[in-house]
């Protein structure tokens, strides 16, 4: 005790120095992380600028305009890269110029795939000791019920109103039955 009474100012100084060192280390790490993030953002922005530049050049070439580029000694390899980039841009443009009928059929096919992949499921939650009605892909349950019968009724109403399929599982998780939306 006498040691603490005699040297307390020295101990306080040591503790303050340790806290200052820890804070410096923490802030240095945060500063380095932000610098790395800004460098990554700058790289992404430069890539975006290059792609927009090649797109505008490709559109000008399609219109028949002449491009004036400054001649540099280091740019001997770049024209090859630009040509490849322009070809890719032209391919993308050609892909976008599909007939409207094909675009409509593709969007309809995608919608039907989404609809068929979504369904309502009735499962048992062992931890909560409840029956759960949940849409596939959802993070939360649509409804939680005490009895399976109640959960089935809720799920049937939801599936029918949204024209989706319904899958029911037993308490042990095994498949019980499947109902199609087109009844």
N, C-alpha and C. Protein backbone atom coordinates (compact mmCIF):
# COMPACT_ATOMS: atom_id res chain seq x y z
N UNK A 1 0.81 -1.20 0.00
CA UNK A 1 0.00 0.00 0.00
C UNK A 1 0.85 1.27 0.00
N UNK A 2 1.93 1.23 0.71
CA UNK A 2 2.80 2.40 0.75
C UNK A 2 3.41 2.66 -0.62
N UNK A 3 3.63 1.57 -1.36
CA UNK A 3 4.19 1.70 -2.71
C UNK A 3 3.23 2.46 -3.62
N UNK A 4 1.92 2.12 -3.53
CA UNK A 4 0.92 2.80 -4.34
C UNK A 4 0.78 4.27 -3.94
N UNK A 5 0.80 4.54 -2.65
CA UNK A 5 0.68 5.91 -2.19
C UNK A 5 1.86 6.76 -2.66
N UNK A 6 3.04 6.15 -2.71
CA UNK A 6 4.24 6.88 -3.05
C UNK A 6 4.40 7.07 -4.57
N UNK A 7 4.03 6.06 -5.36
CA UNK A 7 4.28 6.09 -6.81
C UNK A 7 2.99 6.19 -7.65
N UNK A 8 1.89 6.62 -7.11
CA UNK A 8 0.65 6.70 -7.87
C UNK A 8 0.75 7.62 -9.09
N UNK A 9 1.44 8.75 -9.03
CA UNK A 9 1.53 9.58 -10.25
C UNK A 9 2.27 8.86 -11.39
N UNK A 10 3.28 8.09 -11.05
CA UNK A 10 4.02 7.34 -12.05
C UNK A 10 3.14 6.26 -12.68
N UNK A 11 2.36 5.58 -11.89
CA UNK A 11 1.46 4.55 -12.41
C UNK A 11 0.38 5.14 -13.33
N UNK A 12 -0.14 6.29 -12.97
CA UNK A 12 -1.15 6.95 -13.79
C UNK A 12 -0.53 7.34 -15.15
N UNK A 13 0.69 7.84 -15.14
CA UNK A 13 1.36 8.20 -16.39
C UNK A 13 1.58 6.98 -17.28
N UNK A 14 1.97 5.87 -16.69
CA UNK A 14 2.19 4.65 -17.46
C UNK A 14 0.89 4.17 -18.10
N UNK A 15 -0.20 4.21 -17.35
CA UNK A 15 -1.50 3.80 -17.88
C UNK A 15 -1.92 4.73 -19.02
N UNK A 16 -1.73 6.01 -18.88
CA UNK A 16 -2.08 6.96 -19.94
C UNK A 16 -1.25 6.72 -21.20
N UNK A 17 0.02 6.42 -21.03
CA UNK A 17 0.87 6.14 -22.19
C UNK A 17 0.40 4.89 -22.91
N UNK A 18 0.04 3.86 -22.17
CA UNK A 18 -0.45 2.61 -22.77
C UNK A 18 -1.75 2.88 -23.53
N UNK A 19 -2.65 3.64 -22.96
CA UNK A 19 -3.92 3.97 -23.62
C UNK A 19 -3.65 4.76 -24.90
N UNK A 20 -2.73 5.71 -24.86
CA UNK A 20 -2.40 6.51 -26.04
C UNK A 20 -1.84 5.64 -27.16
N UNK A 21 -0.96 4.70 -26.81
CA UNK A 21 -0.37 3.80 -27.81
C UNK A 21 -1.46 2.94 -28.45
N UNK A 22 -2.34 2.42 -27.65
CA UNK A 22 -3.43 1.58 -28.17
C UNK A 22 -4.31 2.40 -29.12
N UNK A 23 -4.64 3.61 -28.74
CA UNK A 23 -5.46 4.47 -29.59
C UNK A 23 -4.76 4.78 -30.91
N UNK A 24 -3.46 5.05 -30.86
CA UNK A 24 -2.71 5.31 -32.09
C UNK A 24 -2.74 4.11 -33.02
N UNK A 25 -2.60 2.94 -32.47
CA UNK A 25 -2.61 1.72 -33.29
C UNK A 25 -3.98 1.52 -33.93
N UNK A 26 -5.03 1.73 -33.16
CA UNK A 26 -6.39 1.55 -33.68
C UNK A 26 -6.67 2.56 -34.79
N UNK A 27 -6.34 3.83 -34.56
CA UNK A 27 -6.62 4.84 -35.58
C UNK A 27 -5.76 4.65 -36.82
N UNK A 28 -4.54 4.19 -36.67
CA UNK A 28 -3.68 3.93 -37.82
C UNK A 28 -4.28 2.83 -38.68
N UNK A 29 -4.78 1.76 -38.05
CA UNK A 29 -5.41 0.66 -38.80
C UNK A 29 -6.65 1.15 -39.55
N UNK A 30 -7.47 1.97 -38.91
CA UNK A 30 -8.66 2.49 -39.57
C UNK A 30 -8.28 3.38 -40.74
N UNK A 31 -7.25 4.20 -40.56
CA UNK A 31 -6.79 5.09 -41.63
C UNK A 31 -6.29 4.28 -42.82
N UNK A 32 -5.53 3.22 -42.56
CA UNK A 32 -5.04 2.36 -43.64
C UNK A 32 -6.20 1.69 -44.37
N UNK A 33 -7.21 1.25 -43.64
CA UNK A 33 -8.36 0.61 -44.26
C UNK A 33 -9.10 1.58 -45.17
N UNK A 34 -9.27 2.81 -44.72
CA UNK A 34 -9.97 3.79 -45.55
C UNK A 34 -9.15 4.13 -46.79
N UNK A 35 -7.83 4.17 -46.65
CA UNK A 35 -6.98 4.43 -47.82
C UNK A 35 -7.10 3.30 -48.83
N UNK A 36 -7.12 2.06 -48.35
CA UNK A 36 -7.26 0.91 -49.25
C UNK A 36 -8.61 0.96 -49.94
N UNK A 37 -9.67 1.29 -49.19
CA UNK A 37 -11.00 1.37 -49.79
C UNK A 37 -11.08 2.46 -50.85
N UNK A 38 -10.47 3.62 -50.58
CA UNK A 38 -10.51 4.69 -51.57
C UNK A 38 -9.72 4.31 -52.81
N UNK A 39 -8.61 3.60 -52.64
CA UNK A 39 -7.85 3.14 -53.80
C UNK A 39 -8.67 2.18 -54.64
N UNK A 40 -9.40 1.27 -53.98
CA UNK A 40 -10.24 0.32 -54.70
C UNK A 40 -11.36 1.05 -55.42
N UNK A 41 -11.96 2.05 -54.79
CA UNK A 41 -13.02 2.82 -55.43
C UNK A 41 -12.48 3.56 -56.64
N UNK A 42 -11.27 4.11 -56.51
CA UNK A 42 -10.66 4.82 -57.64
C UNK A 42 -10.41 3.87 -58.80
N UNK A 43 -9.96 2.65 -58.51
CA UNK A 43 -9.73 1.67 -59.56
C UNK A 43 -11.04 1.34 -60.27
N UNK A 44 -12.12 1.17 -59.51
CA UNK A 44 -13.42 0.87 -60.10
C UNK A 44 -13.88 2.03 -60.97
N UNK A 45 -13.69 3.26 -60.48
CA UNK A 45 -14.10 4.42 -61.25
C UNK A 45 -13.32 4.52 -62.55
N UNK A 46 -12.01 4.25 -62.51
CA UNK A 46 -11.22 4.34 -63.74
C UNK A 46 -11.65 3.26 -64.73
N UNK A 47 -11.99 2.08 -64.24
CA UNK A 47 -12.48 1.04 -65.14
C UNK A 47 -13.79 1.46 -65.78
N UNK A 48 -14.68 2.07 -64.98
CA UNK A 48 -15.96 2.55 -65.50
C UNK A 48 -15.73 3.64 -66.55
N UNK A 49 -14.78 4.53 -66.28
CA UNK A 49 -14.49 5.60 -67.23
C UNK A 49 -13.96 5.03 -68.55
N UNK A 50 -13.11 4.00 -68.46
CA UNK A 50 -12.57 3.38 -69.67
C UNK A 50 -13.67 2.73 -70.49
N UNK A 51 -14.60 2.04 -69.83
CA UNK A 51 -15.67 1.38 -70.57
C UNK A 51 -16.60 2.39 -71.21
N UNK A 52 -16.90 3.49 -70.51
CA UNK A 52 -17.75 4.51 -71.12
C UNK A 52 -17.04 5.18 -72.28
N UNK A 53 -15.72 5.36 -72.16
CA UNK A 53 -14.95 5.96 -73.24
C UNK A 53 -14.99 5.07 -74.48
N UNK A 54 -14.80 3.76 -74.29
CA UNK A 54 -14.83 2.85 -75.44
C UNK A 54 -16.23 2.78 -76.04
N UNK A 55 -17.26 2.87 -75.21
CA UNK A 55 -18.63 2.86 -75.73
C UNK A 55 -18.89 4.09 -76.59
N UNK A 56 -18.45 5.25 -76.11
CA UNK A 56 -18.68 6.47 -76.89
C UNK A 56 -17.87 6.44 -78.18
N UNK A 57 -16.66 5.91 -78.13
CA UNK A 57 -15.85 5.80 -79.34
C UNK A 57 -16.51 4.86 -80.34
N UNK A 58 -17.06 3.77 -79.83
CA UNK A 58 -17.72 2.82 -80.74
C UNK A 58 -18.95 3.45 -81.38
N UNK A 59 -19.70 4.21 -80.61
CA UNK A 59 -20.89 4.85 -81.18
C UNK A 59 -20.50 5.90 -82.20
N UNK A 60 -19.39 6.63 -81.97
CA UNK A 60 -18.93 7.61 -82.94
C UNK A 60 -18.47 6.94 -84.22
N UNK A 61 -17.81 5.81 -84.10
CA UNK A 61 -17.35 5.09 -85.28
C UNK A 61 -18.53 4.58 -86.09
N UNK A 62 -19.59 4.16 -85.38
CA UNK A 62 -20.79 3.70 -86.09
C UNK A 62 -21.42 4.84 -86.88
N UNK A 63 -21.35 6.03 -86.33
CA UNK A 63 -21.92 7.18 -87.01
C UNK A 63 -21.02 7.69 -88.13
N UNK A 64 -19.80 7.22 -88.19
CA UNK A 64 -18.89 7.61 -89.27
C UNK A 64 -18.03 8.79 -88.92
N UNK A 65 -18.01 9.18 -87.66
CA UNK A 65 -17.18 10.31 -87.27
C UNK A 65 -15.74 9.86 -87.12
N UNK A 66 -14.83 10.73 -87.39
CA UNK A 66 -13.41 10.44 -87.27
C UNK A 66 -12.97 10.79 -85.85
N UNK A 67 -12.16 9.94 -85.28
CA UNK A 67 -11.63 10.18 -83.94
C UNK A 67 -10.19 10.66 -84.05
N UNK A 68 -9.88 11.70 -83.31
CA UNK A 68 -8.51 12.18 -83.28
C UNK A 68 -7.91 11.75 -81.97
N UNK A 69 -6.84 10.97 -82.04
CA UNK A 69 -6.17 10.51 -80.84
C UNK A 69 -4.75 11.03 -80.85
N UNK A 70 -4.28 11.52 -79.71
CA UNK A 70 -2.90 11.99 -79.65
C UNK A 70 -1.95 10.81 -79.77
N UNK A 71 -0.89 11.02 -80.55
CA UNK A 71 0.08 9.95 -80.76
C UNK A 71 1.08 9.96 -79.62
N UNK A 72 1.24 8.78 -79.00
CA UNK A 72 2.19 8.62 -77.91
C UNK A 72 3.06 7.42 -78.21
N UNK A 73 4.27 7.46 -77.70
CA UNK A 73 5.18 6.34 -77.92
C UNK A 73 4.74 5.12 -77.12
N UNK A 74 4.12 5.33 -75.95
CA UNK A 74 3.73 4.23 -75.08
C UNK A 74 2.44 3.57 -75.51
N UNK A 75 1.70 4.17 -76.43
CA UNK A 75 0.39 3.67 -76.84
C UNK A 75 0.47 2.66 -77.96
N UNK A 76 1.60 2.05 -78.22
CA UNK A 76 1.72 1.10 -79.31
C UNK A 76 0.88 -0.15 -79.07
N UNK A 77 0.74 -0.57 -77.82
CA UNK A 77 -0.01 -1.78 -77.51
C UNK A 77 -1.48 -1.49 -77.25
N UNK A 78 -1.85 -0.29 -76.91
CA UNK A 78 -3.23 0.04 -76.57
C UNK A 78 -4.21 -0.09 -77.71
N UNK A 79 -3.89 0.22 -78.96
CA UNK A 79 -4.90 0.08 -80.01
C UNK A 79 -5.46 -1.33 -80.12
N UNK A 80 -4.64 -2.33 -79.88
CA UNK A 80 -5.13 -3.70 -79.92
C UNK A 80 -6.18 -3.91 -78.83
N UNK A 81 -5.90 -3.41 -77.65
CA UNK A 81 -6.85 -3.54 -76.55
C UNK A 81 -8.13 -2.78 -76.85
N UNK A 82 -7.99 -1.58 -77.41
CA UNK A 82 -9.17 -0.78 -77.73
C UNK A 82 -10.04 -1.47 -78.77
N UNK A 83 -9.41 -2.10 -79.76
CA UNK A 83 -10.17 -2.79 -80.78
C UNK A 83 -10.97 -3.93 -80.17
N UNK A 84 -10.32 -4.68 -79.26
CA UNK A 84 -11.04 -5.77 -78.61
C UNK A 84 -12.19 -5.23 -77.77
N UNK A 85 -11.95 -4.14 -77.06
CA UNK A 85 -13.00 -3.55 -76.24
C UNK A 85 -14.15 -3.06 -77.12
N UNK A 86 -13.81 -2.46 -78.27
CA UNK A 86 -14.84 -1.98 -79.17
C UNK A 86 -15.65 -3.13 -79.73
N UNK A 87 -14.98 -4.25 -80.03
CA UNK A 87 -15.70 -5.43 -80.52
C UNK A 87 -16.68 -5.93 -79.47
N UNK A 88 -16.25 -5.94 -78.21
CA UNK A 88 -17.13 -6.38 -77.14
C UNK A 88 -18.33 -5.44 -77.00
N UNK A 89 -18.07 -4.14 -77.13
CA UNK A 89 -19.16 -3.17 -77.03
C UNK A 89 -20.14 -3.38 -78.17
N UNK A 90 -19.62 -3.60 -79.38
CA UNK A 90 -20.49 -3.83 -80.53
C UNK A 90 -21.31 -5.10 -80.35
N UNK A 91 -20.70 -6.15 -79.78
CA UNK A 91 -21.45 -7.38 -79.52
C UNK A 91 -22.58 -7.12 -78.54
N UNK A 92 -22.28 -6.33 -77.50
CA UNK A 92 -23.32 -6.03 -76.52
C UNK A 92 -24.44 -5.22 -77.16
N UNK A 93 -24.07 -4.29 -78.02
CA UNK A 93 -25.08 -3.49 -78.70
C UNK A 93 -25.94 -4.37 -79.60
N UNK A 94 -25.29 -5.29 -80.32
CA UNK A 94 -26.04 -6.19 -81.19
C UNK A 94 -26.98 -7.09 -80.39
N UNK A 95 -26.52 -7.52 -79.22
CA UNK A 95 -27.39 -8.35 -78.38
C UNK A 95 -28.59 -7.57 -77.90
N UNK A 96 -28.38 -6.28 -77.63
CA UNK A 96 -29.47 -5.46 -77.14
C UNK A 96 -30.50 -5.17 -78.22
N UNK A 97 -30.09 -5.25 -79.48
CA UNK A 97 -30.99 -4.94 -80.58
C UNK A 97 -31.79 -6.16 -81.03
N UNK A 98 -32.28 -6.95 -80.10
CA UNK A 98 -33.11 -8.12 -80.40
C UNK A 98 -34.51 -7.64 -80.75
N UNK A 99 -35.21 -8.41 -81.54
CA UNK A 99 -36.60 -8.05 -81.81
C UNK A 99 -37.41 -8.03 -80.52
N UNK A 100 -38.42 -7.19 -80.51
CA UNK A 100 -39.22 -7.02 -79.30
C UNK A 100 -39.92 -8.31 -78.89
N UNK A 101 -40.28 -9.13 -79.87
CA UNK A 101 -40.97 -10.39 -79.56
C UNK A 101 -40.07 -11.30 -78.73
N UNK A 102 -38.79 -11.39 -79.09
CA UNK A 102 -37.88 -12.24 -78.34
C UNK A 102 -37.68 -11.72 -76.93
N UNK A 103 -37.57 -10.41 -76.80
CA UNK A 103 -37.40 -9.82 -75.48
C UNK A 103 -38.60 -10.11 -74.61
N UNK A 104 -39.81 -9.99 -75.19
CA UNK A 104 -41.02 -10.26 -74.43
C UNK A 104 -41.10 -11.73 -74.01
N UNK A 105 -40.76 -12.64 -74.91
CA UNK A 105 -40.83 -14.06 -74.55
C UNK A 105 -39.80 -14.41 -73.49
N UNK A 106 -38.61 -13.80 -73.59
CA UNK A 106 -37.60 -14.05 -72.56
C UNK A 106 -38.05 -13.54 -71.21
N UNK A 107 -38.65 -12.36 -71.16
CA UNK A 107 -39.11 -11.84 -69.88
C UNK A 107 -40.25 -12.69 -69.32
N UNK A 108 -41.13 -13.17 -70.21
CA UNK A 108 -42.22 -14.05 -69.75
C UNK A 108 -41.67 -15.35 -69.19
N UNK A 109 -40.64 -15.91 -69.84
CA UNK A 109 -40.03 -17.14 -69.35
C UNK A 109 -39.39 -16.92 -67.99
N UNK A 110 -38.73 -15.78 -67.82
CA UNK A 110 -38.09 -15.50 -66.54
C UNK A 110 -39.14 -15.35 -65.44
N UNK A 111 -40.26 -14.70 -65.75
CA UNK A 111 -41.32 -14.55 -64.76
C UNK A 111 -41.90 -15.89 -64.35
N UNK A 112 -42.10 -16.78 -65.33
CA UNK A 112 -42.66 -18.09 -64.99
C UNK A 112 -41.67 -18.90 -64.17
N UNK A 113 -40.38 -18.76 -64.45
CA UNK A 113 -39.38 -19.46 -63.64
C UNK A 113 -39.41 -18.96 -62.21
N UNK A 114 -39.53 -17.64 -62.03
CA UNK A 114 -39.59 -17.08 -60.69
C UNK A 114 -40.83 -17.59 -59.96
N UNK A 115 -41.95 -17.60 -60.67
CA UNK A 115 -43.19 -18.04 -60.04
C UNK A 115 -43.13 -19.51 -59.66
N UNK A 116 -42.56 -20.35 -60.51
CA UNK A 116 -42.51 -21.77 -60.20
C UNK A 116 -41.52 -22.06 -59.09
N UNK A 117 -40.49 -21.25 -58.96
CA UNK A 117 -39.50 -21.51 -57.92
C UNK A 117 -40.00 -21.06 -56.55
N UNK A 118 -40.95 -20.14 -56.51
CA UNK A 118 -41.48 -19.70 -55.23
C UNK A 118 -42.66 -20.54 -54.83
N UNK A 119 -42.72 -20.84 -53.54
CA UNK A 119 -43.83 -21.61 -53.01
C UNK A 119 -43.91 -21.37 -51.51
N UNK A 120 -45.01 -21.76 -50.92
CA UNK A 120 -45.17 -21.69 -49.48
C UNK A 120 -44.88 -23.06 -48.90
N UNK A 121 -44.23 -23.05 -47.74
CA UNK A 121 -43.90 -24.30 -47.06
C UNK A 121 -44.43 -24.25 -45.64
N UNK A 122 -44.96 -25.39 -45.19
CA UNK A 122 -45.40 -25.55 -43.81
C UNK A 122 -44.42 -26.51 -43.15
N UNK A 123 -43.69 -26.03 -42.17
CA UNK A 123 -42.70 -26.85 -41.45
C UNK A 123 -42.88 -26.66 -39.96
N UNK A 124 -42.21 -27.53 -39.19
CA UNK A 124 -42.30 -27.45 -37.74
C UNK A 124 -40.99 -26.92 -37.19
N UNK A 125 -41.07 -25.91 -36.33
CA UNK A 125 -39.91 -25.35 -35.67
C UNK A 125 -39.78 -26.01 -34.30
N UNK A 126 -38.78 -26.88 -34.15
CA UNK A 126 -38.63 -27.65 -32.91
C UNK A 126 -38.26 -26.78 -31.72
N UNK A 127 -37.44 -25.74 -31.96
CA UNK A 127 -37.02 -24.88 -30.86
C UNK A 127 -38.18 -24.07 -30.30
N UNK A 128 -38.98 -23.49 -31.18
CA UNK A 128 -40.12 -22.67 -30.75
C UNK A 128 -41.36 -23.52 -30.51
N UNK A 129 -41.33 -24.77 -30.95
CA UNK A 129 -42.47 -25.69 -30.84
C UNK A 129 -43.71 -25.09 -31.48
N UNK A 130 -43.52 -24.62 -32.74
CA UNK A 130 -44.60 -24.01 -33.50
C UNK A 130 -44.53 -24.47 -34.94
N UNK A 131 -45.68 -24.41 -35.62
CA UNK A 131 -45.74 -24.68 -37.05
C UNK A 131 -45.52 -23.36 -37.77
N UNK A 132 -44.67 -23.39 -38.80
CA UNK A 132 -44.25 -22.17 -39.49
C UNK A 132 -44.71 -22.21 -40.94
N UNK A 133 -45.35 -21.12 -41.38
CA UNK A 133 -45.71 -20.95 -42.79
C UNK A 133 -44.72 -19.94 -43.34
N UNK A 134 -43.96 -20.37 -44.35
CA UNK A 134 -42.89 -19.52 -44.86
C UNK A 134 -42.81 -19.61 -46.37
N UNK A 135 -42.57 -18.50 -47.03
CA UNK A 135 -42.38 -18.45 -48.48
C UNK A 135 -40.91 -18.75 -48.76
N UNK A 136 -40.63 -19.56 -49.79
CA UNK A 136 -39.24 -19.90 -50.09
C UNK A 136 -38.47 -18.63 -50.43
N UNK A 137 -37.27 -18.55 -49.89
CA UNK A 137 -36.43 -17.39 -50.12
C UNK A 137 -36.62 -16.29 -49.09
N UNK A 138 -37.68 -16.38 -48.29
CA UNK A 138 -37.94 -15.37 -47.27
C UNK A 138 -37.09 -15.63 -46.04
N UNK A 139 -36.74 -14.56 -45.34
CA UNK A 139 -35.94 -14.72 -44.13
C UNK A 139 -36.83 -14.89 -42.90
N UNK A 140 -38.02 -14.34 -42.95
CA UNK A 140 -38.93 -14.45 -41.81
C UNK A 140 -40.15 -15.27 -42.20
N UNK A 141 -40.79 -15.81 -41.19
CA UNK A 141 -41.99 -16.61 -41.42
C UNK A 141 -43.17 -15.70 -41.72
N UNK A 142 -44.07 -16.18 -42.59
CA UNK A 142 -45.29 -15.43 -42.87
C UNK A 142 -46.24 -15.53 -41.70
N UNK A 143 -46.28 -16.71 -41.08
CA UNK A 143 -47.18 -16.93 -39.95
C UNK A 143 -46.65 -18.08 -39.10
N UNK A 144 -46.83 -17.99 -37.80
CA UNK A 144 -46.49 -19.07 -36.86
C UNK A 144 -47.77 -19.48 -36.15
N UNK A 145 -48.01 -20.80 -36.10
CA UNK A 145 -49.26 -21.31 -35.54
C UNK A 145 -48.95 -22.40 -34.52
N UNK A 146 -49.91 -22.63 -33.60
CA UNK A 146 -49.75 -23.67 -32.60
C UNK A 146 -50.04 -25.05 -33.16
N UNK A 147 -51.01 -25.13 -34.08
CA UNK A 147 -51.39 -26.43 -34.63
C UNK A 147 -51.07 -26.50 -36.12
N UNK A 148 -50.90 -27.73 -36.59
CA UNK A 148 -50.60 -27.95 -38.00
C UNK A 148 -51.82 -27.61 -38.85
N UNK A 149 -52.99 -27.91 -38.34
CA UNK A 149 -54.22 -27.64 -39.08
C UNK A 149 -54.38 -26.14 -39.34
N UNK A 150 -54.13 -25.35 -38.33
CA UNK A 150 -54.21 -23.90 -38.47
C UNK A 150 -53.17 -23.39 -39.48
N UNK A 151 -51.96 -23.91 -39.42
CA UNK A 151 -50.90 -23.51 -40.35
C UNK A 151 -51.25 -23.89 -41.78
N UNK A 152 -51.86 -25.07 -41.95
CA UNK A 152 -52.26 -25.53 -43.28
C UNK A 152 -53.31 -24.58 -43.88
N UNK A 153 -54.28 -24.18 -43.07
CA UNK A 153 -55.33 -23.28 -43.55
C UNK A 153 -54.74 -21.94 -44.00
N UNK A 154 -53.84 -21.40 -43.18
CA UNK A 154 -53.22 -20.11 -43.51
C UNK A 154 -52.40 -20.24 -44.80
N UNK A 155 -51.63 -21.31 -44.89
CA UNK A 155 -50.77 -21.51 -46.05
C UNK A 155 -51.59 -21.70 -47.32
N UNK A 156 -52.68 -22.44 -47.23
CA UNK A 156 -53.53 -22.65 -48.40
C UNK A 156 -54.13 -21.33 -48.89
N UNK A 157 -54.56 -20.48 -47.96
CA UNK A 157 -55.12 -19.19 -48.35
C UNK A 157 -54.05 -18.31 -49.02
N UNK A 158 -52.86 -18.28 -48.42
CA UNK A 158 -51.79 -17.47 -49.00
C UNK A 158 -51.37 -17.98 -50.37
N UNK A 159 -51.22 -19.28 -50.49
CA UNK A 159 -50.80 -19.87 -51.77
C UNK A 159 -51.85 -19.64 -52.84
N UNK A 160 -53.11 -19.76 -52.46
CA UNK A 160 -54.19 -19.56 -53.43
C UNK A 160 -54.28 -18.10 -53.87
N UNK A 161 -54.11 -17.19 -52.93
CA UNK A 161 -54.23 -15.76 -53.27
C UNK A 161 -53.08 -15.30 -54.16
N UNK A 162 -51.90 -15.90 -54.02
CA UNK A 162 -50.75 -15.50 -54.82
C UNK A 162 -50.46 -16.47 -55.95
N UNK A 163 -51.31 -17.47 -56.11
CA UNK A 163 -51.18 -18.46 -57.18
C UNK A 163 -49.82 -19.17 -57.12
N UNK A 164 -49.46 -19.64 -55.92
CA UNK A 164 -48.19 -20.34 -55.72
C UNK A 164 -48.45 -21.76 -55.22
N UNK A 165 -47.46 -22.62 -55.35
CA UNK A 165 -47.57 -24.00 -54.88
C UNK A 165 -47.39 -24.05 -53.37
N UNK A 166 -47.81 -25.16 -52.78
CA UNK A 166 -47.72 -25.35 -51.34
C UNK A 166 -47.07 -26.69 -51.06
N UNK A 167 -46.09 -26.69 -50.16
CA UNK A 167 -45.43 -27.92 -49.74
C UNK A 167 -45.58 -28.05 -48.23
N UNK A 168 -45.94 -29.26 -47.79
CA UNK A 168 -46.14 -29.52 -46.36
C UNK A 168 -45.16 -30.60 -45.93
N UNK A 169 -44.55 -30.38 -44.76
CA UNK A 169 -43.63 -31.36 -44.22
C UNK A 169 -44.13 -31.83 -42.86
N UNK A 170 -43.72 -33.06 -42.52
CA UNK A 170 -44.10 -33.63 -41.22
C UNK A 170 -43.27 -32.98 -40.12
N UNK A 171 -43.57 -33.36 -38.89
CA UNK A 171 -42.87 -32.81 -37.74
C UNK A 171 -41.39 -33.16 -37.77
N UNK A 172 -41.06 -34.32 -38.32
CA UNK A 172 -39.66 -34.75 -38.38
C UNK A 172 -38.92 -34.16 -39.59
N UNK A 173 -39.60 -33.37 -40.42
CA UNK A 173 -38.97 -32.72 -41.55
C UNK A 173 -39.11 -33.46 -42.87
N UNK A 174 -39.70 -34.65 -42.84
CA UNK A 174 -39.88 -35.41 -44.07
C UNK A 174 -41.05 -34.84 -44.87
N UNK A 175 -40.96 -35.02 -46.18
CA UNK A 175 -41.98 -34.52 -47.11
C UNK A 175 -43.31 -35.21 -46.86
N UNK A 176 -44.39 -34.45 -46.79
CA UNK A 176 -45.72 -35.02 -46.60
C UNK A 176 -46.56 -34.90 -47.86
N UNK A 177 -46.78 -33.65 -48.33
CA UNK A 177 -47.59 -33.50 -49.54
C UNK A 177 -47.28 -32.17 -50.23
N UNK A 178 -47.69 -32.11 -51.48
CA UNK A 178 -47.49 -30.91 -52.30
C UNK A 178 -48.81 -30.61 -53.00
N UNK A 179 -49.19 -29.36 -52.97
CA UNK A 179 -50.40 -28.94 -53.66
C UNK A 179 -50.02 -27.93 -54.73
N UNK A 180 -50.54 -28.11 -55.92
CA UNK A 180 -50.28 -27.18 -57.01
C UNK A 180 -51.23 -26.01 -56.95
N UNK A 181 -50.78 -24.89 -57.46
CA UNK A 181 -51.60 -23.67 -57.44
C UNK A 181 -52.73 -23.76 -58.44
N UNK A 182 -52.59 -24.57 -59.47
CA UNK A 182 -53.62 -24.64 -60.54
C UNK A 182 -54.62 -25.74 -60.23
N UNK A 183 -55.40 -25.58 -59.16
CA UNK A 183 -56.44 -26.57 -58.80
C UNK A 183 -57.69 -26.29 -59.55
